[in-house]
Amino acid sequence: MILTVIGGALIGVAVAVLVSPLFTARPKLSAAMATFGSEATAETTSGGSRDDWKTRMGIWGMKLPPLPVGPKATKMDLQLIGRTEVDHAFQKVLYAFSTTAILILAAVVLSAAGVPNDLFFLAICLGFMAGWSVPDRQARALAQRARKEFGRGVGSFIELVATEVKRGAHVTAAVASASTVSNDSWVFVRIRQVLTRAQYQQQQVWDALDDLAAEIHVPELSEAARIVRLSGKDGARIYDALRASGKNLRMRALADEHEQANLVSGKIARRIQGIVMIFLGMILTALFINISASPF
């Protein structure tokens, strides 16, 4: 009975917390001035309208105290996968309260069935923390995968720049021409966007590439920017350096692919061994049962 009351109260609190951001509060000048120009408010312009309930819930989630639930997704990770901090906070709130609501409902059902309820509250708290950490783990995994893909794309980009340089193009024109080769690859699209912005800001292409490498934490692009900077500042011949860098990146990507293939092969082999052992155990168990049931 007590657990049912507590469960109903928690469900009511969860519903109230989830629904409260949907209702617009009376505007306050002090709160508006406090949030004007802040990072969360700036990101809402790209994530949607201020009246969007998801945006408001995400801003509310960003104001919650941090929970000790493991490593969090960094700003670099979110920028790389194209997710704003407001959207990420909304996903954390959604996962956390959805998991909590499911566990509370399960606790009420189990309590009504007569299951002991000593550890239900602890399980609900752990479920909330686990749901809160799910978006962080997903974002970090996606960012790690995107960095590997970006590194492989940079290898192709460097070789295209080397080809343009060999044709006699200036390094700035070579970089710009290489970035327009593919419209399907998000790597080339991202590089082209950065170069376009650098052109309007009167920024050198190697500085723009270096800033992008630092922003998304891709050292392969930083190496390419260093080589391009040598040619732009000192007039050095960079064709051989670009080709060597592109070859190294291709060899590194090939080694990573072999490593991943070996890991997958090992997992498949272990699963096959486990299945064989299960079938062998079933056969031996049936054999022992027949032997023990035999009158002889």
Protein backbone atom coordinates (compact mmCIF):
# COMPACT_ATOMS: atom_id res chain seq x y z
CA MET A 1 0.00 0.00 0.00
CA ILE A 2 2.76 2.40 0.92
CA LEU A 3 4.69 1.64 -2.27
CA THR A 4 1.54 2.24 -4.33
CA VAL A 5 1.11 5.68 -2.77
CA ILE A 6 4.79 6.52 -3.26
CA GLY A 7 4.68 5.25 -6.84
CA GLY A 8 1.59 7.34 -7.62
CA ALA A 9 3.20 10.41 -6.09
CA LEU A 10 6.38 9.91 -8.11
CA ILE A 11 4.39 9.45 -11.30
CA GLY A 12 2.50 12.66 -10.54
CA VAL A 13 5.73 14.55 -9.93
CA ALA A 14 7.26 13.18 -13.13
CA VAL A 15 4.20 14.17 -15.17
CA ALA A 16 4.16 17.64 -13.59
CA VAL A 17 7.85 18.16 -14.34
CA LEU A 18 7.45 17.01 -17.93
CA VAL A 19 4.33 19.10 -18.55
CA SER A 20 5.49 22.27 -16.80
CA PRO A 21 7.79 23.42 -19.66
CA LEU A 22 4.84 23.30 -22.05
CA PHE A 23 3.10 26.24 -20.38
CA THR A 24 4.55 29.66 -20.99
CA ALA A 25 5.25 31.57 -17.83
CA ARG A 26 4.78 35.28 -17.36
CA PRO A 27 7.78 37.11 -18.83
CA LYS A 28 10.24 38.57 -16.37
CA LEU A 29 12.71 41.23 -17.45
CA SER A 30 15.41 40.04 -15.05
CA ALA A 31 15.23 36.45 -16.33
CA ALA A 32 15.23 37.65 -19.93
CA MET A 33 18.32 39.80 -19.36
CA ALA A 34 20.03 36.91 -17.54
CA THR A 35 19.56 34.56 -20.49
CA PHE A 36 20.02 37.14 -23.26
CA GLY A 37 23.05 36.21 -25.31
CA SER A 38 23.75 33.06 -23.33
CA GLU A 39 24.94 29.89 -25.04
CA ALA A 40 21.70 27.98 -24.51
CA THR A 41 19.60 30.78 -25.96
CA ALA A 42 21.89 31.16 -28.94
CA GLU A 43 21.58 27.52 -29.78
CA THR A 44 17.81 27.65 -29.69
CA THR A 45 17.84 29.83 -32.78
CA SER A 46 19.24 26.92 -34.77
CA GLY A 47 17.31 24.20 -32.91
CA GLY A 48 13.87 25.77 -33.27
CA SER A 49 11.62 28.51 -31.99
CA ARG A 50 11.63 29.63 -28.38
CA ASP A 51 8.01 28.47 -28.25
CA ASP A 52 9.02 24.94 -29.21
CA TRP A 53 8.31 22.69 -26.23
CA LYS A 54 11.28 20.49 -26.99
CA THR A 55 13.59 23.49 -26.92
CA ARG A 56 12.20 24.72 -23.62
CA MET A 57 12.47 21.27 -22.10
CA GLY A 58 16.06 21.03 -23.32
CA ILE A 59 16.93 24.39 -21.75
CA TRP A 60 15.33 23.21 -18.51
CA GLY A 61 17.40 20.02 -18.69
CA MET A 62 20.60 22.03 -19.12
CA LYS A 63 19.86 23.84 -15.86
CA LEU A 64 19.59 20.61 -13.86
CA PRO A 65 22.56 19.73 -11.64
CA PRO A 66 24.99 17.24 -13.22
CA LEU A 67 24.73 13.60 -12.23
CA PRO A 68 27.76 11.32 -11.61
CA VAL A 69 26.82 8.83 -14.30
CA GLY A 70 30.08 8.47 -16.24
CA PRO A 71 31.80 10.47 -18.96
CA LYS A 72 29.66 13.05 -20.72
CA ALA A 73 29.59 14.01 -24.38
CA THR A 74 31.75 17.07 -24.99
CA LYS A 75 30.91 20.09 -27.14
CA MET A 76 33.30 18.73 -29.77
CA ASP A 77 31.35 15.48 -29.90
CA LEU A 78 28.04 17.28 -30.30
CA GLN A 79 29.39 19.63 -32.96
CA LEU A 80 30.79 16.74 -34.91
CA ILE A 81 27.51 14.81 -35.03
CA GLY A 82 25.48 17.97 -35.68
CA ARG A 83 23.55 18.01 -32.40
CA THR A 84 23.00 21.11 -30.32
CA GLU A 85 23.36 21.13 -26.56
CA VAL A 86 19.66 21.90 -26.19
CA ASP A 87 18.65 18.88 -28.28
CA HIS A 88 21.08 16.71 -26.33
CA ALA A 89 19.68 17.89 -23.00
CA PHE A 90 16.13 17.21 -24.23
CA GLN A 91 17.09 13.63 -25.11
CA LYS A 92 18.62 13.15 -21.66
CA VAL A 93 15.45 14.38 -19.96
CA LEU A 94 13.28 12.22 -22.21
CA TYR A 95 15.31 9.05 -21.63
CA ALA A 96 15.61 9.63 -17.87
CA PHE A 97 11.94 10.29 -17.15
CA SER A 98 10.72 7.63 -19.58
CA THR A 99 12.88 5.02 -17.85
CA THR A 100 11.73 6.23 -14.45
CA ALA A 101 8.06 6.07 -15.42
CA ILE A 102 8.45 2.53 -16.76
CA LEU A 103 10.23 1.37 -13.60
CA ILE A 104 7.62 2.99 -11.35
CA LEU A 105 4.84 1.28 -13.26
CA ALA A 106 6.68 -2.05 -13.03
CA ALA A 107 7.22 -1.53 -9.29
CA VAL A 108 3.52 -0.87 -8.72
CA VAL A 109 2.53 -3.96 -10.69
CA LEU A 110 5.05 -6.18 -8.88
CA SER A 111 4.00 -4.77 -5.52
CA ALA A 112 0.36 -5.54 -6.30
CA ALA A 113 1.43 -9.09 -7.18
CA GLY A 114 3.01 -9.51 -3.76
CA VAL A 115 6.68 -9.18 -4.72
CA PRO A 116 8.86 -7.73 -1.91
CA ASN A 117 9.47 -4.02 -2.50
CA ASP A 118 12.59 -3.36 -0.46
CA LEU A 119 14.84 -2.39 -3.37
CA PHE A 120 12.28 -0.81 -5.71
CA PHE A 121 13.19 2.78 -4.82
CA LEU A 122 16.90 2.09 -5.35
CA ALA A 123 16.14 0.46 -8.70
CA ILE A 124 14.08 3.49 -9.75
CA CYS A 125 16.92 5.88 -8.86
CA LEU A 126 19.46 3.77 -10.72
CA GLY A 127 17.11 3.58 -13.70
CA PHE A 128 16.82 7.38 -13.79
CA MET A 129 20.61 7.75 -13.78
CA ALA A 130 21.01 5.05 -16.44
CA GLY A 131 18.45 6.74 -18.70
CA TRP A 132 20.16 10.10 -18.17
CA SER A 133 23.49 8.66 -19.36
CA VAL A 134 22.19 6.91 -22.50
CA PRO A 135 22.35 9.98 -24.82
CA ASP A 136 25.90 10.71 -23.65
CA ARG A 137 27.04 7.19 -24.53
CA GLN A 138 25.29 7.35 -27.90
CA ALA A 139 26.78 10.75 -28.75
CA ARG A 140 30.30 9.69 -27.80
CA ALA A 141 30.02 6.50 -29.87
CA LEU A 142 28.67 8.41 -32.88
CA ALA A 143 31.40 11.03 -32.55
CA GLN A 144 34.12 8.40 -32.40
CA ARG A 145 32.74 6.72 -35.52
CA ALA A 146 32.43 10.09 -37.28
CA ARG A 147 36.04 11.00 -36.46
CA LYS A 148 37.28 7.78 -38.04
CA GLU A 149 35.17 8.41 -41.13
CA PHE A 150 36.37 12.01 -41.29
CA GLY A 151 39.98 10.84 -41.08
CA ARG A 152 39.46 8.51 -44.04
CA GLY A 153 37.79 11.32 -45.97
CA VAL A 154 40.71 13.65 -45.22
CA GLY A 155 43.05 11.12 -46.85
CA SER A 156 41.10 11.37 -50.12
CA PHE A 157 40.91 15.16 -49.77
CA ILE A 158 44.68 15.46 -49.36
CA GLU A 159 45.35 13.38 -52.45
CA LEU A 160 42.92 15.52 -54.46
CA VAL A 161 44.75 18.64 -53.27
CA ALA A 162 48.04 17.06 -54.36
CA THR A 163 46.59 16.34 -57.80
CA GLU A 164 45.50 19.96 -58.20
CA VAL A 165 48.91 21.20 -57.05
CA LYS A 166 50.63 18.95 -59.59
CA ARG A 167 48.51 20.52 -62.32
CA GLY A 168 50.01 23.90 -61.39
CA ALA A 169 47.18 25.35 -59.29
CA HIS A 170 47.93 27.61 -56.36
CA VAL A 171 47.50 25.98 -52.98
CA THR A 172 44.42 28.07 -52.13
CA ALA A 173 42.74 27.23 -55.43
CA ALA A 174 43.80 23.59 -55.08
CA VAL A 175 42.17 23.27 -51.66
CA ALA A 176 38.98 24.99 -52.84
CA SER A 177 38.79 22.83 -55.98
CA ALA A 178 39.38 19.59 -54.05
CA SER A 179 36.55 20.40 -51.63
CA THR A 180 34.02 20.64 -54.49
CA VAL A 181 34.69 17.16 -55.87
CA SER A 182 31.98 15.35 -53.88
CA ASN A 183 28.53 16.54 -52.83
CA ASP A 184 27.51 13.21 -51.31
CA SER A 185 30.25 12.94 -48.68
CA TRP A 186 29.50 14.88 -45.51
CA VAL A 187 33.25 15.23 -44.96
CA PHE A 188 33.71 17.23 -48.15
CA VAL A 189 30.54 19.21 -47.46
CA ARG A 190 31.84 20.18 -44.01
CA ILE A 191 35.22 21.22 -45.40
CA ARG A 192 33.56 23.21 -48.18
CA GLN A 193 31.36 25.04 -45.68
CA VAL A 194 34.38 26.00 -43.61
CA LEU A 195 36.29 27.22 -46.67
CA THR A 196 33.31 29.28 -47.84
CA ARG A 197 33.03 30.93 -44.44
CA ALA A 198 36.78 31.59 -44.44
CA GLN A 199 36.51 33.27 -47.83
CA TYR A 200 33.92 35.73 -46.54
CA GLN A 201 35.90 36.35 -43.37
CA GLN A 202 39.16 36.95 -45.28
CA GLN A 203 40.79 33.99 -43.53
CA GLN A 204 43.53 31.83 -44.98
CA VAL A 205 42.48 28.32 -45.98
CA TRP A 206 45.11 26.62 -43.80
CA ASP A 207 43.91 28.57 -40.75
CA ALA A 208 40.32 27.58 -41.53
CA LEU A 209 41.28 23.91 -41.83
CA ASP A 210 43.30 24.08 -38.63
CA ASP A 211 40.37 25.65 -36.77
CA LEU A 212 38.05 22.91 -38.05
CA ALA A 213 40.53 20.24 -36.95
CA ALA A 214 40.67 21.74 -33.45
CA GLU A 215 36.88 22.12 -33.35
CA ILE A 216 36.06 18.50 -34.13
CA HIS A 217 39.37 17.04 -32.84
CA VAL A 218 40.57 15.36 -36.05
CA PRO A 219 44.41 15.34 -36.09
CA GLU A 220 44.55 14.17 -39.73
CA LEU A 221 43.04 17.45 -40.89
CA SER A 222 45.46 19.39 -38.69
CA GLU A 223 48.35 17.64 -40.43
CA ALA A 224 46.91 18.57 -43.83
CA ALA A 225 46.54 22.20 -42.69
CA ARG A 226 50.18 22.25 -41.57
CA ILE A 227 51.39 21.04 -44.96
CA VAL A 228 49.22 23.56 -46.81
CA ARG A 229 50.48 26.35 -44.54
CA LEU A 230 54.08 25.57 -45.53
CA SER A 231 53.24 26.14 -49.17
CA GLY A 232 51.16 29.24 -48.55
CA LYS A 233 53.68 30.99 -46.32
CA ASP A 234 57.07 29.74 -47.49
CA GLY A 235 56.27 28.72 -51.05
CA ALA A 236 57.46 25.17 -50.37
CA ARG A 237 56.76 22.37 -52.83
CA ILE A 238 54.16 20.24 -51.08
CA TYR A 239 53.21 17.69 -53.71
CA ASP A 240 55.42 14.93 -52.31
CA ALA A 241 54.43 15.79 -48.73
CA LEU A 242 50.73 15.67 -49.60
CA ARG A 243 51.03 12.37 -51.42
CA ALA A 244 53.00 10.85 -48.54
CA SER A 245 50.44 12.10 -46.00
CA GLY A 246 47.56 10.76 -48.07
CA LYS A 247 49.26 7.39 -48.41
CA ASN A 248 49.87 7.20 -44.66
CA LEU A 249 46.24 7.97 -43.96
CA ARG A 250 45.09 5.29 -46.41
CA MET A 251 47.42 2.73 -44.82
CA ARG A 252 46.19 3.69 -41.36
CA ALA A 253 42.55 3.37 -42.46
CA LEU A 254 43.33 -0.02 -44.01
CA ALA A 255 44.96 -1.17 -40.77
CA ASP A 256 41.89 -0.05 -38.81
CA GLU A 257 39.61 -1.95 -41.18
CA HIS A 258 41.72 -5.10 -40.73
CA GLU A 259 41.58 -4.67 -36.96
CA GLN A 260 37.80 -4.29 -37.02
CA ALA A 261 37.48 -7.32 -39.29
CA ASN A 262 39.59 -9.39 -36.90
CA LEU A 263 37.45 -8.29 -33.95
CA VAL A 264 34.25 -9.24 -35.77
CA SER A 265 35.74 -12.59 -36.80
CA GLY A 266 36.74 -13.27 -33.20
CA LYS A 267 33.22 -12.46 -31.95
CA ILE A 268 31.67 -14.75 -34.57
CA ALA A 269 34.06 -17.58 -33.67
CA ARG A 270 33.26 -17.24 -29.94
CA ARG A 271 29.53 -17.24 -30.62
CA ILE A 272 29.84 -20.33 -32.80
CA GLN A 273 31.81 -22.06 -30.05
CA GLY A 274 29.15 -21.14 -27.52
CA ILE A 275 26.36 -22.51 -29.73
CA VAL A 276 28.29 -25.74 -30.27
CA MET A 277 28.83 -26.13 -26.53
CA ILE A 278 25.11 -25.55 -25.87
CA PHE A 279 24.08 -28.22 -28.39
CA LEU A 280 26.71 -30.59 -27.03
CA GLY A 281 25.40 -30.02 -23.51
CA MET A 282 21.83 -30.69 -24.64
CA ILE A 283 22.88 -33.96 -26.32
CA LEU A 284 24.92 -35.12 -23.32
CA THR A 285 22.12 -34.20 -20.91
CA ALA A 286 19.59 -36.24 -22.89
CA LEU A 287 22.05 -39.12 -23.06
CA PHE A 288 22.64 -39.10 -19.29
CA ILE A 289 18.90 -38.95 -18.62
CA ASN A 290 18.32 -42.00 -20.86
CA ILE A 291 21.17 -43.89 -19.19
CA SER A 292 19.91 -43.10 -15.68
CA ALA A 293 16.34 -44.10 -16.61
CA SER A 294 17.50 -47.41 -18.10
CA PRO A 295 16.72 -50.46 -15.89
CA PHE A 296 20.12 -51.96 -16.57
